[in-house]
Each structure stands twice: as structure tokens, then as C-alpha cells.
Amino acid sequence: MQTVHALNPLRQTVERLRAAAKEGTKLALVPTMGALHEGHLTLVRRAKELADLVAVSIFVNPRQFGPNEDLDAYPRQMERDSRLLEAEGVALLWAPDVTAMYPEGYATNIAVSGVSDGLCGADRPGHFDGVATVVCKLFNQVRPDIALFGEKDWQQLAVIRRMARDLDLLFPRVDAILGVPIVREADGLAMSSRNAYLSPRQRQSAAVLNVAMRAAIDRLHEGLPAGAVLTELEGVVLAAGFDSIDYAELRDAGSIALLNAPNGNARLFVAARIGGTRLIDNMAV
């Protein structure tokens, strides 16, 4: 695995990898912020199934963190992450620092309206501008043929697809930006780097989120009103030890528009806080 930290060496390395490969070789990109877990490695393995070469980026992007969020505390485990990626057969690790990604005088921001409204877009103002900006840069830097993202961040996936389509980025088809299903712990909790922040008691309580969401979907299938089902879900989650609910909503999976009832393309989205940790999850209804 080749590891690069600056833009010019990155472009030279990508050119060498493509030149050494057979004609028609595909390059896949898996963007991450590091602190890799099985969910990330699942993305890498799926990328290897779909492409001949896999590049992974590790960059803790300050532009997607709010002023009171956990940028400084976000886990950074570059040596461990590098070993994991090398063991998976990754060809290229792109690991820029902040000055490489945002040089002095950087002044450009990408905002994607519509799909970024509501949910995490409402609770974390500016977050998806930061996501869209850094992913656009990653696409232009690595120039992959396909890119893979986890479906745990479903709204993020919708934002990236909309941005790529609107800006005529490298991808001729929206399906070149691939969502990979959520990887879950044995008790159903969605894997996340932030799970490491949970105390043993909080971790036990966190498992209720998955259970409550599945129960809510069952009730929706039974025909119960969505408002009552979501209120019940919130009560169950809070009773389990969560401190607050940022949202528990039905949204259209494509447009992220708010729904009052399932429409055949609905997803259930929940964000809840336990201690200092914010957990998110979503499921098809």
C-alpha cells in the first residue's frame, strides 16, 4: 500500500497505478475520517469486489464539525488504520493534513439545498456544506471511477449524490456513488467511531435504539398513525437512558422530504444523545 500526504505525490501515484494496470481498470475511493471499524472495512471489501484498485482517504474534516462538536476529541489512529488497510489489500492511502486540504486563503464552500435540509442539516448547521466541500475535493483529487459510502449516514449519501449530479463531477451515472448497508454490532447498534465514547452502561442502553426503531416500523406496518408511533419510540429511547432526541422522523429516502405517513419509499431516521455522544440510525420502512 502506498501512503501519500500531499496533492502532487497523490496525483503522481494515481497516474502510476493506472499506467501499471490493464486497460479498463477501475479505481474505487472509500472516503473516511479514520478510527476504522468493521463498517469501514466492509466498504473496503465491497470496493475490492467492484474495482481493481482501491484508494482510501483518511481526513478528519474540520469544516463539517460545529463549534461545540468533538473535533479535538475525534479519535485519530493513523498507524492502526494503516495496518488494517494494508491487510485488506488497499492500493493507496490518501492522508492529507488540514493545510494540504485547505491551503492558506482557502475561500470556497459548496452548499447543497433541499436534501441537506432537516435531520442532521437542521441540528448541525453548516455540517453538510463541509461534507459536500471535502467530498468534491476528494473526487477531484483522486479521480476515482466509483466511490462508496455507508448508508448509516443516509442524508450524507443523498447530499453527495445530488452534488455530483449537479456539478457534473466524474460520474456519468448516479449509481457510481454507491451506498453500502449499515454494519451492526451483535445487539443491533449501528457501528460508529463514536461508539467508543460510550461507557459500559451507556453502551448497554444504546442497544435499545435499534430495538425501538424496529418496533416502530412494525407498528407503522400495522397501520398505526405515524405521529403516535414516533412519540412512543421517543419515550422508549428516553426511558432506556438516552438524554434527548434530536429527531425521530419519517422521510422520503430519495428527496429527504418529511412524510406524515409511509409512502413506499420511506425511511425512519433517528438521532439521539446519550451522555456526550450523539448516535444516528436509519431504516427502510
C-alpha atoms as a PDB file:
ATOM      1  CA  MET A   1       0.000   0.000   0.000  1.00  0.00           C
ATOM      2  CA  GLN A   2       1.286   3.445  -0.916  1.00  0.00           C
ATOM      3  CA  THR A   3       0.601   6.277   1.532  1.00  0.00           C
ATOM      4  CA  VAL A   4       0.727   9.903   0.416  1.00  0.00           C
ATOM      5  CA  HIS A   5       0.146  13.154   2.285  1.00  0.00           C
ATOM      6  CA  ALA A   6       0.420  15.864  -0.389  1.00  0.00           C
ATOM      7  CA  LEU A   7      -1.513  16.568  -3.563  1.00  0.00           C
ATOM      8  CA  ASN A   8       1.222  16.368  -6.201  1.00  0.00           C
ATOM      9  CA  PRO A   9       2.518  12.980  -4.965  1.00  0.00           C
ATOM     10  CA  LEU A  10      -1.097  11.802  -4.847  1.00  0.00           C
ATOM     11  CA  ARG A  11      -1.691  12.610  -8.489  1.00  0.00           C
ATOM     12  CA  GLN A  12       1.616  11.047  -9.500  1.00  0.00           C
ATOM     13  CA  THR A  13       0.796   7.889  -7.550  1.00  0.00           C
ATOM     14  CA  VAL A  14      -2.658   7.586  -9.095  1.00  0.00           C
ATOM     15  CA  GLU A  15      -1.159   8.033 -12.564  1.00  0.00           C
ATOM     16  CA  ARG A  16       1.436   5.316 -11.871  1.00  0.00           C
ATOM     17  CA  LEU A  17      -1.174   2.911 -10.545  1.00  0.00           C
ATOM     18  CA  ARG A  18      -3.394   3.420 -13.579  1.00  0.00           C
ATOM     19  CA  ALA A  19      -0.460   3.164 -16.001  1.00  0.00           C
ATOM     20  CA  ALA A  20       0.659  -0.118 -14.459  1.00  0.00           C
ATOM     21  CA  ALA A  21      -2.846  -1.600 -14.597  1.00  0.00           C
ATOM     22  CA  LYS A  22      -4.556  -3.193 -17.546  1.00  0.00           C
ATOM     23  CA  GLU A  23      -6.820  -1.129 -19.773  1.00  0.00           C
ATOM     24  CA  GLY A  24     -10.271  -0.644 -18.264  1.00  0.00           C
ATOM     25  CA  THR A  25      -9.067  -0.962 -14.676  1.00  0.00           C
ATOM     26  CA  LYS A  26     -11.414   0.727 -12.228  1.00  0.00           C
ATOM     27  CA  LEU A  27     -10.320   2.758  -9.216  1.00  0.00           C
ATOM     28  CA  ALA A  28     -12.666   2.895  -6.215  1.00  0.00           C
ATOM     29  CA  LEU A  29     -12.493   5.511  -3.463  1.00  0.00           C
ATOM     30  CA  VAL A  30     -13.652   4.977   0.120  1.00  0.00           C
ATOM     31  CA  PRO A  31     -13.597   8.329   1.959  1.00  0.00           C
ATOM     32  CA  THR A  32     -13.252   8.076   5.760  1.00  0.00           C
ATOM     33  CA  MET A  33     -12.264  10.122   8.794  1.00  0.00           C
ATOM     34  CA  GLY A  34     -10.242   7.222  10.184  1.00  0.00           C
ATOM     35  CA  ALA A  35     -10.729   5.412  13.510  1.00  0.00           C
ATOM     36  CA  LEU A  36     -11.653   2.491  11.278  1.00  0.00           C
ATOM     37  CA  HIS A  37     -14.066  -0.221  12.378  1.00  0.00           C
ATOM     38  CA  GLU A  38     -15.742  -3.166  10.708  1.00  0.00           C
ATOM     39  CA  GLY A  39     -18.184  -0.861   8.943  1.00  0.00           C
ATOM     40  CA  HIS A  40     -15.348   0.909   7.146  1.00  0.00           C
ATOM     41  CA  LEU A  41     -13.652  -2.374   6.301  1.00  0.00           C
ATOM     42  CA  THR A  42     -16.919  -3.650   4.838  1.00  0.00           C
ATOM     43  CA  LEU A  43     -16.845  -0.654   2.475  1.00  0.00           C
ATOM     44  CA  VAL A  44     -13.273  -1.533   1.504  1.00  0.00           C
ATOM     45  CA  ARG A  45     -14.158  -5.168   0.837  1.00  0.00           C
ATOM     46  CA  ARG A  46     -17.149  -4.162  -1.267  1.00  0.00           C
ATOM     47  CA  ALA A  47     -14.927  -1.747  -3.186  1.00  0.00           C
ATOM     48  CA  LYS A  48     -12.498  -4.593  -3.927  1.00  0.00           C
ATOM     49  CA  GLU A  49     -15.372  -6.603  -5.393  1.00  0.00           C
ATOM     50  CA  LEU A  50     -16.318  -3.760  -7.715  1.00  0.00           C
ATOM     51  CA  ALA A  51     -12.941  -2.310  -8.702  1.00  0.00           C
ATOM     52  CA  ASP A  52      -9.397  -3.437  -9.467  1.00  0.00           C
ATOM     53  CA  LEU A  53      -7.747  -0.766  -7.321  1.00  0.00           C
ATOM     54  CA  VAL A  54      -8.986   0.685  -4.031  1.00  0.00           C
ATOM     55  CA  ALA A  55      -7.987   4.031  -2.552  1.00  0.00           C
ATOM     56  CA  VAL A  56      -8.997   5.060   0.953  1.00  0.00           C
ATOM     57  CA  SER A  57      -8.818   8.603   2.270  1.00  0.00           C
ATOM     58  CA  ILE A  58      -8.409   9.439   5.948  1.00  0.00           C
ATOM     59  CA  PHE A  59      -9.056  13.082   6.784  1.00  0.00           C
ATOM     60  CA  VAL A  60     -10.759  14.465   9.881  1.00  0.00           C
ATOM     61  CA  ASN A  61     -12.529  17.324   8.157  1.00  0.00           C
ATOM     62  CA  PRO A  62     -12.804  20.396  10.404  1.00  0.00           C
ATOM     63  CA  ARG A  63     -15.338  22.061   8.128  1.00  0.00           C
ATOM     64  CA  GLN A  64     -18.043  19.528   8.997  1.00  0.00           C
ATOM     65  CA  PHE A  65     -17.716  19.979  12.773  1.00  0.00           C
ATOM     66  CA  GLY A  66     -19.696  22.667  14.610  1.00  0.00           C
ATOM     67  CA  PRO A  67     -18.163  24.970  17.257  1.00  0.00           C
ATOM     68  CA  ASN A  68     -19.350  22.776  20.140  1.00  0.00           C
ATOM     69  CA  GLU A  69     -18.696  19.401  18.499  1.00  0.00           C
ATOM     70  CA  ASP A  70     -15.972  16.846  19.056  1.00  0.00           C
ATOM     71  CA  LEU A  71     -13.288  17.787  16.501  1.00  0.00           C
ATOM     72  CA  ASP A  72     -10.432  17.737  19.005  1.00  0.00           C
ATOM     73  CA  ALA A  73     -11.696  14.586  20.706  1.00  0.00           C
ATOM     74  CA  TYR A  74     -12.370  12.698  17.478  1.00  0.00           C
ATOM     75  CA  PRO A  75     -10.178   9.567  17.561  1.00  0.00           C
ATOM     76  CA  ARG A  76      -7.080   9.615  15.379  1.00  0.00           C
ATOM     77  CA  GLN A  77      -5.420   6.219  14.945  1.00  0.00           C
ATOM     78  CA  MET A  78      -3.364   6.517  11.776  1.00  0.00           C
ATOM     79  CA  GLU A  79      -0.848   3.745  12.474  1.00  0.00           C
ATOM     80  CA  ARG A  80      -3.555   1.252  13.406  1.00  0.00           C
ATOM     81  CA  ASP A  81      -5.760   2.316  10.483  1.00  0.00           C
ATOM     82  CA  SER A  82      -2.857   1.983   8.060  1.00  0.00           C
ATOM     83  CA  ARG A  83      -2.167  -1.576   9.203  1.00  0.00           C
ATOM     84  CA  LEU A  84      -5.819  -2.523   8.777  1.00  0.00           C
ATOM     85  CA  LEU A  85      -5.986  -1.094   5.262  1.00  0.00           C
ATOM     86  CA  GLU A  86      -2.757  -2.748   4.184  1.00  0.00           C
ATOM     87  CA  ALA A  87      -4.089  -6.086   5.426  1.00  0.00           C
ATOM     88  CA  GLU A  88      -7.188  -5.559   3.270  1.00  0.00           C
ATOM     89  CA  GLY A  89      -5.101  -5.046   0.130  1.00  0.00           C
ATOM     90  CA  VAL A  90      -5.771  -1.331  -0.328  1.00  0.00           C
ATOM     91  CA  ALA A  91      -3.538   0.137  -3.044  1.00  0.00           C
ATOM     92  CA  LEU A  92      -3.463   3.770  -1.906  1.00  0.00           C
ATOM     93  CA  LEU A  93      -3.988   5.652   1.347  1.00  0.00           C
ATOM     94  CA  TRP A  94      -4.541   9.390   0.869  1.00  0.00           C
ATOM     95  CA  ALA A  95      -3.950  11.042   4.249  1.00  0.00           C
ATOM     96  CA  PRO A  96      -3.629  14.816   3.846  1.00  0.00           C
ATOM     97  CA  ASP A  97      -3.298  17.236   6.728  1.00  0.00           C
ATOM     98  CA  VAL A  98      -5.514  20.293   7.065  1.00  0.00           C
ATOM     99  CA  THR A  99      -3.104  22.613   5.253  1.00  0.00           C
ATOM    100  CA  ALA A 100      -2.930  20.232   2.290  1.00  0.00           C
ATOM    101  CA  MET A 101      -6.714  20.119   2.026  1.00  0.00           C
ATOM    102  CA  TYR A 102      -7.395  23.775   2.861  1.00  0.00           C
ATOM    103  CA  PRO A 103      -4.328  25.856   1.968  1.00  0.00           C
ATOM    104  CA  GLU A 104      -3.923  29.379   3.296  1.00  0.00           C
ATOM    105  CA  GLY A 105      -6.515  31.680   1.771  1.00  0.00           C
ATOM    106  CA  TYR A 106      -8.982  28.869   1.015  1.00  0.00           C
ATOM    107  CA  ALA A 107     -12.353  30.538   0.414  1.00  0.00           C
ATOM    108  CA  THR A 108     -14.703  28.121  -1.400  1.00  0.00           C
ATOM    109  CA  ASN A 109     -17.745  26.419   0.075  1.00  0.00           C
ATOM    110  CA  ILE A 110     -20.305  24.067  -1.515  1.00  0.00           C
ATOM    111  CA  ALA A 111     -23.879  24.137  -0.240  1.00  0.00           C
ATOM    112  CA  VAL A 112     -26.474  21.622  -1.420  1.00  0.00           C
ATOM    113  CA  SER A 113     -30.028  22.737  -0.672  1.00  0.00           C
ATOM    114  CA  GLY A 114     -33.076  20.518  -0.344  1.00  0.00           C
ATOM    115  CA  VAL A 115     -31.616  17.166   0.657  1.00  0.00           C
ATOM    116  CA  SER A 116     -29.438  18.860   3.280  1.00  0.00           C
ATOM    117  CA  ASP A 117     -32.448  20.470   4.979  1.00  0.00           C
ATOM    118  CA  GLY A 118     -33.862  18.929   8.154  1.00  0.00           C
ATOM    119  CA  LEU A 119     -32.491  15.971  10.130  1.00  0.00           C
ATOM    120  CA  CYS A 120     -28.751  16.461  10.747  1.00  0.00           C
ATOM    121  CA  GLY A 121     -28.800  19.512   8.492  1.00  0.00           C
ATOM    122  CA  ALA A 122     -31.079  21.288  10.957  1.00  0.00           C
ATOM    123  CA  ASP A 123     -29.280  20.103  14.093  1.00  0.00           C
ATOM    124  CA  ARG A 124     -25.769  20.711  12.729  1.00  0.00           C
ATOM    125  CA  PRO A 125     -25.808  23.963  10.706  1.00  0.00           C
ATOM    126  CA  GLY A 126     -23.071  24.005   8.095  1.00  0.00           C
ATOM    127  CA  HIS A 127     -22.286  20.312   8.522  1.00  0.00           C
ATOM    128  CA  PHE A 128     -23.324  19.243   5.038  1.00  0.00           C
ATOM    129  CA  ASP A 129     -21.587  22.230   3.455  1.00  0.00           C
ATOM    130  CA  GLY A 130     -18.408  20.833   4.982  1.00  0.00           C
ATOM    131  CA  VAL A 131     -19.216  17.323   3.782  1.00  0.00           C
ATOM    132  CA  ALA A 132     -20.039  18.417   0.233  1.00  0.00           C
ATOM    133  CA  THR A 133     -16.939  20.595   0.013  1.00  0.00           C
ATOM    134  CA  VAL A 134     -14.478  17.962   1.187  1.00  0.00           C
ATOM    135  CA  VAL A 135     -16.010  15.141  -0.860  1.00  0.00           C
ATOM    136  CA  CYS A 136     -15.967  17.275  -4.000  1.00  0.00           C
ATOM    137  CA  LYS A 137     -12.268  17.924  -3.362  1.00  0.00           C
ATOM    138  CA  LEU A 138     -11.607  14.220  -2.748  1.00  0.00           C
ATOM    139  CA  PHE A 139     -13.313  13.298  -6.009  1.00  0.00           C
ATOM    140  CA  ASN A 140     -11.226  15.834  -7.931  1.00  0.00           C
ATOM    141  CA  GLN A 141      -8.007  14.818  -6.156  1.00  0.00           C
ATOM    142  CA  VAL A 142      -8.257  11.033  -6.502  1.00  0.00           C
ATOM    143  CA  ARG A 143     -10.434  10.948  -9.648  1.00  0.00           C
ATOM    144  CA  PRO A 144     -11.987   7.565  -8.930  1.00  0.00           C
ATOM    145  CA  ASP A 145     -14.378   5.662 -11.138  1.00  0.00           C
ATOM    146  CA  ILE A 146     -16.676   4.770  -8.251  1.00  0.00           C
ATOM    147  CA  ALA A 147     -16.985   5.855  -4.624  1.00  0.00           C
ATOM    148  CA  LEU A 148     -18.542   4.031  -1.685  1.00  0.00           C
ATOM    149  CA  PHE A 149     -20.261   5.420   1.410  1.00  0.00           C
ATOM    150  CA  GLY A 150     -22.035   3.796   4.326  1.00  0.00           C
ATOM    151  CA  GLU A 151     -25.813   4.039   4.492  1.00  0.00           C
ATOM    152  CA  LYS A 152     -25.704   4.883   8.199  1.00  0.00           C
ATOM    153  CA  ASP A 153     -25.174   8.466   7.040  1.00  0.00           C
ATOM    154  CA  TRP A 154     -28.084   8.259   4.602  1.00  0.00           C
ATOM    155  CA  GLN A 155     -28.655  12.005   4.346  1.00  0.00           C
ATOM    156  CA  GLN A 156     -24.956  12.486   3.641  1.00  0.00           C
ATOM    157  CA  LEU A 157     -25.206   9.963   0.804  1.00  0.00           C
ATOM    158  CA  ALA A 158     -28.168  11.884  -0.647  1.00  0.00           C
ATOM    159  CA  VAL A 159     -26.238  15.162  -0.427  1.00  0.00           C
ATOM    160  CA  ILE A 160     -23.190  13.699  -2.183  1.00  0.00           C
ATOM    161  CA  ARG A 161     -25.262  12.176  -4.976  1.00  0.00           C
ATOM    162  CA  ARG A 162     -27.082  15.468  -5.544  1.00  0.00           C
ATOM    163  CA  MET A 163     -23.818  17.422  -5.557  1.00  0.00           C
ATOM    164  CA  ALA A 164     -22.137  15.051  -8.010  1.00  0.00           C
ATOM    165  CA  ARG A 165     -25.107  15.203 -10.365  1.00  0.00           C
ATOM    166  CA  ASP A 166     -25.478  18.982 -10.163  1.00  0.00           C
ATOM    167  CA  LEU A 167     -21.770  19.748 -10.614  1.00  0.00           C
ATOM    168  CA  ASP A 168     -21.173  17.208 -13.409  1.00  0.00           C
ATOM    169  CA  LEU A 169     -18.430  15.514 -11.456  1.00  0.00           C
ATOM    170  CA  LEU A 170     -16.572  12.455 -12.651  1.00  0.00           C
ATOM    171  CA  PHE A 171     -19.513  10.105 -12.539  1.00  0.00           C
ATOM    172  CA  PRO A 172     -21.670   9.618 -15.636  1.00  0.00           C
ATOM    173  CA  ARG A 173     -24.287   7.801 -13.542  1.00  0.00           C
ATOM    174  CA  VAL A 174     -25.539   8.445 -10.033  1.00  0.00           C
ATOM    175  CA  ASP A 175     -25.157   4.723  -9.310  1.00  0.00           C
ATOM    176  CA  ALA A 176     -21.372   5.171  -9.457  1.00  0.00           C
ATOM    177  CA  ILE A 177     -21.762   6.632  -5.950  1.00  0.00           C
ATOM    178  CA  LEU A 178     -22.672   3.516  -4.035  1.00  0.00           C
ATOM    179  CA  GLY A 179     -24.326   3.124  -0.661  1.00  0.00           C
ATOM    180  CA  VAL A 180     -23.343   0.090   1.418  1.00  0.00           C
ATOM    181  CA  PRO A 181     -25.803  -1.214   4.032  1.00  0.00           C
ATOM    182  CA  ILE A 182     -25.234  -0.412   7.700  1.00  0.00           C
ATOM    183  CA  VAL A 183     -22.961  -2.798   9.571  1.00  0.00           C
ATOM    184  CA  ARG A 184     -24.309  -3.508  13.044  1.00  0.00           C
ATOM    185  CA  GLU A 185     -22.993  -4.879  16.295  1.00  0.00           C
ATOM    186  CA  ALA A 186     -24.399  -8.201  17.525  1.00  0.00           C
ATOM    187  CA  ASP A 187     -27.087  -6.337  19.506  1.00  0.00           C
ATOM    188  CA  GLY A 188     -28.085  -4.230  16.513  1.00  0.00           C
ATOM    189  CA  LEU A 189     -26.349  -0.931  17.304  1.00  0.00           C
ATOM    190  CA  ALA A 190     -25.048   0.684  14.122  1.00  0.00           C
ATOM    191  CA  MET A 191     -21.251   0.658  14.059  1.00  0.00           C
ATOM    192  CA  SER A 192     -19.732   4.107  14.506  1.00  0.00           C
ATOM    193  CA  SER A 193     -16.421   5.553  15.589  1.00  0.00           C
ATOM    194  CA  ARG A 194     -18.376   7.479  18.208  1.00  0.00           C
ATOM    195  CA  ASN A 195     -19.487   4.254  19.908  1.00  0.00           C
ATOM    196  CA  ALA A 196     -16.051   4.261  21.543  1.00  0.00           C
ATOM    197  CA  TYR A 197     -17.146   7.263  23.602  1.00  0.00           C
ATOM    198  CA  LEU A 198     -19.851   5.244  25.395  1.00  0.00           C
ATOM    199  CA  SER A 199     -19.375   3.965  28.928  1.00  0.00           C
ATOM    200  CA  PRO A 200     -20.329   0.306  29.521  1.00  0.00           C
ATOM    201  CA  ARG A 201     -23.707   1.378  30.926  1.00  0.00           C
ATOM    202  CA  GLN A 202     -24.346   3.792  28.064  1.00  0.00           C
ATOM    203  CA  ARG A 203     -23.342   1.129  25.553  1.00  0.00           C
ATOM    204  CA  GLN A 204     -25.936  -1.231  27.036  1.00  0.00           C
ATOM    205  CA  SER A 205     -28.612   1.453  26.842  1.00  0.00           C
ATOM    206  CA  ALA A 206     -27.630   2.363  23.281  1.00  0.00           C
ATOM    207  CA  ALA A 207     -28.740  -1.054  22.009  1.00  0.00           C
ATOM    208  CA  VAL A 208     -32.357  -0.047  22.716  1.00  0.00           C
ATOM    209  CA  LEU A 209     -32.255   2.402  19.805  1.00  0.00           C
ATOM    210  CA  ASN A 210     -32.228  -0.375  17.211  1.00  0.00           C
ATOM    211  CA  VAL A 211     -34.929  -2.353  19.053  1.00  0.00           C
ATOM    212  CA  ALA A 212     -37.201   0.690  19.377  1.00  0.00           C
ATOM    213  CA  MET A 213     -36.832   1.573  15.711  1.00  0.00           C
ATOM    214  CA  ARG A 214     -37.719  -1.927  14.541  1.00  0.00           C
ATOM    215  CA  ALA A 215     -40.747  -1.961  16.847  1.00  0.00           C
ATOM    216  CA  ALA A 216     -41.849   1.408  15.438  1.00  0.00           C
ATOM    217  CA  ILE A 217     -41.627   0.097  11.885  1.00  0.00           C
ATOM    218  CA  ASP A 218     -43.737  -2.906  12.849  1.00  0.00           C
ATOM    219  CA  ARG A 219     -46.383  -0.564  14.261  1.00  0.00           C
ATOM    220  CA  LEU A 220     -46.362   1.524  11.105  1.00  0.00           C
ATOM    221  CA  HIS A 221     -46.955  -1.646   9.088  1.00  0.00           C
ATOM    222  CA  GLU A 222     -49.903  -2.368  11.364  1.00  0.00           C
ATOM    223  CA  GLY A 223     -51.406   0.935  10.258  1.00  0.00           C
ATOM    224  CA  LEU A 224     -50.923   2.982  13.411  1.00  0.00           C
ATOM    225  CA  PRO A 225     -50.625   6.765  12.905  1.00  0.00           C
ATOM    226  CA  ALA A 226     -47.046   7.848  12.356  1.00  0.00           C
ATOM    227  CA  GLY A 227     -47.230  10.658  14.923  1.00  0.00           C
ATOM    228  CA  ALA A 228     -48.257   8.307  17.706  1.00  0.00           C
ATOM    229  CA  VAL A 229     -45.654   5.711  16.697  1.00  0.00           C
ATOM    230  CA  LEU A 230     -42.828   8.245  16.702  1.00  0.00           C
ATOM    231  CA  THR A 231     -43.897   9.647  20.072  1.00  0.00           C
ATOM    232  CA  GLU A 232     -43.874   6.134  21.500  1.00  0.00           C
ATOM    233  CA  LEU A 233     -40.420   5.486  20.010  1.00  0.00           C
ATOM    234  CA  GLU A 234     -39.049   8.616  21.651  1.00  0.00           C
ATOM    235  CA  GLY A 235     -40.484   7.571  25.013  1.00  0.00           C
ATOM    236  CA  VAL A 236     -38.897   4.127  24.825  1.00  0.00           C
ATOM    237  CA  VAL A 237     -35.485   5.547  23.905  1.00  0.00           C
ATOM    238  CA  LEU A 238     -35.541   8.154  26.678  1.00  0.00           C
ATOM    239  CA  ALA A 239     -36.678   5.576  29.225  1.00  0.00           C
ATOM    240  CA  ALA A 240     -33.683   3.413  28.264  1.00  0.00           C
ATOM    241  CA  GLY A 241     -31.253   6.086  29.424  1.00  0.00           C
ATOM    242  CA  PHE A 242     -30.825   8.454  26.488  1.00  0.00           C
ATOM    243  CA  ASP A 243     -30.753  12.120  27.471  1.00  0.00           C
ATOM    244  CA  SER A 244     -32.500  13.663  24.489  1.00  0.00           C
ATOM    245  CA  ILE A 245     -33.858  13.046  20.993  1.00  0.00           C
ATOM    246  CA  ASP A 246     -32.726  15.363  18.205  1.00  0.00           C
ATOM    247  CA  TYR A 247     -35.247  13.881  15.780  1.00  0.00           C
ATOM    248  CA  ALA A 248     -37.359  10.811  15.093  1.00  0.00           C
ATOM    249  CA  GLU A 249     -38.930  11.284  11.678  1.00  0.00           C
ATOM    250  CA  LEU A 250     -40.226   9.612   8.561  1.00  0.00           C
ATOM    251  CA  ARG A 251     -38.587  10.944   5.410  1.00  0.00           C
ATOM    252  CA  ASP A 252     -38.590  10.081   1.726  1.00  0.00           C
ATOM    253  CA  ALA A 253     -35.446   8.075   1.019  1.00  0.00           C
ATOM    254  CA  GLY A 254     -34.599   9.999  -2.146  1.00  0.00           C
ATOM    255  CA  SER A 255     -35.637  13.600  -1.585  1.00  0.00           C
ATOM    256  CA  ILE A 256     -35.337  13.522   2.248  1.00  0.00           C
ATOM    257  CA  ALA A 257     -38.715  15.301   2.315  1.00  0.00           C
ATOM    258  CA  LEU A 258     -40.671  14.980   5.566  1.00  0.00           C
ATOM    259  CA  LEU A 259     -43.538  12.461   5.462  1.00  0.00           C
ATOM    260  CA  ASN A 260     -46.655  12.207   7.585  1.00  0.00           C
ATOM    261  CA  ALA A 261     -47.165   8.551   6.639  1.00  0.00           C
ATOM    262  CA  PRO A 262     -45.182   5.822   4.843  1.00  0.00           C
ATOM    263  CA  ASN A 263     -45.198   6.280   1.058  1.00  0.00           C
ATOM    264  CA  GLY A 264     -43.454   3.137  -0.226  1.00  0.00           C
ATOM    265  CA  ASN A 265     -40.076   4.885  -0.268  1.00  0.00           C
ATOM    266  CA  ALA A 266     -39.961   5.933   3.372  1.00  0.00           C
ATOM    267  CA  ARG A 267     -37.140   5.636   5.873  1.00  0.00           C
ATOM    268  CA  LEU A 268     -37.185   6.112   9.607  1.00  0.00           C
ATOM    269  CA  PHE A 269     -34.445   8.467  10.825  1.00  0.00           C
ATOM    270  CA  VAL A 270     -33.443   8.885  14.473  1.00  0.00           C
ATOM    271  CA  ALA A 271     -30.734  10.892  16.212  1.00  0.00           C
ATOM    272  CA  ALA A 272     -30.422  10.650  19.992  1.00  0.00           C
ATOM    273  CA  ARG A 273     -27.912  11.764  22.599  1.00  0.00           C
ATOM    274  CA  ILE A 274     -26.585   9.721  25.461  1.00  0.00           C
ATOM    275  CA  GLY A 275     -24.020  11.388  27.672  1.00  0.00           C
ATOM    276  CA  GLY A 276     -21.865  13.451  25.336  1.00  0.00           C
ATOM    277  CA  THR A 277     -22.403  11.123  22.373  1.00  0.00           C
ATOM    278  CA  ARG A 278     -24.821  11.663  19.510  1.00  0.00           C
ATOM    279  CA  LEU A 279     -25.943   8.459  17.781  1.00  0.00           C
ATOM    280  CA  ILE A 280     -27.778   8.292  14.470  1.00  0.00           C
ATOM    281  CA  ASP A 281     -29.543   5.456  12.694  1.00  0.00           C
ATOM    282  CA  ASN A 282     -31.983   4.913   9.847  1.00  0.00           C
ATOM    283  CA  MET A 283     -34.015   2.040   8.463  1.00  0.00           C
ATOM    284  CA  ALA A 284     -36.230   1.398   5.477  1.00  0.00           C
ATOM    285  CA  VAL A 285     -39.923   1.359   6.335  1.00  0.00           C
END
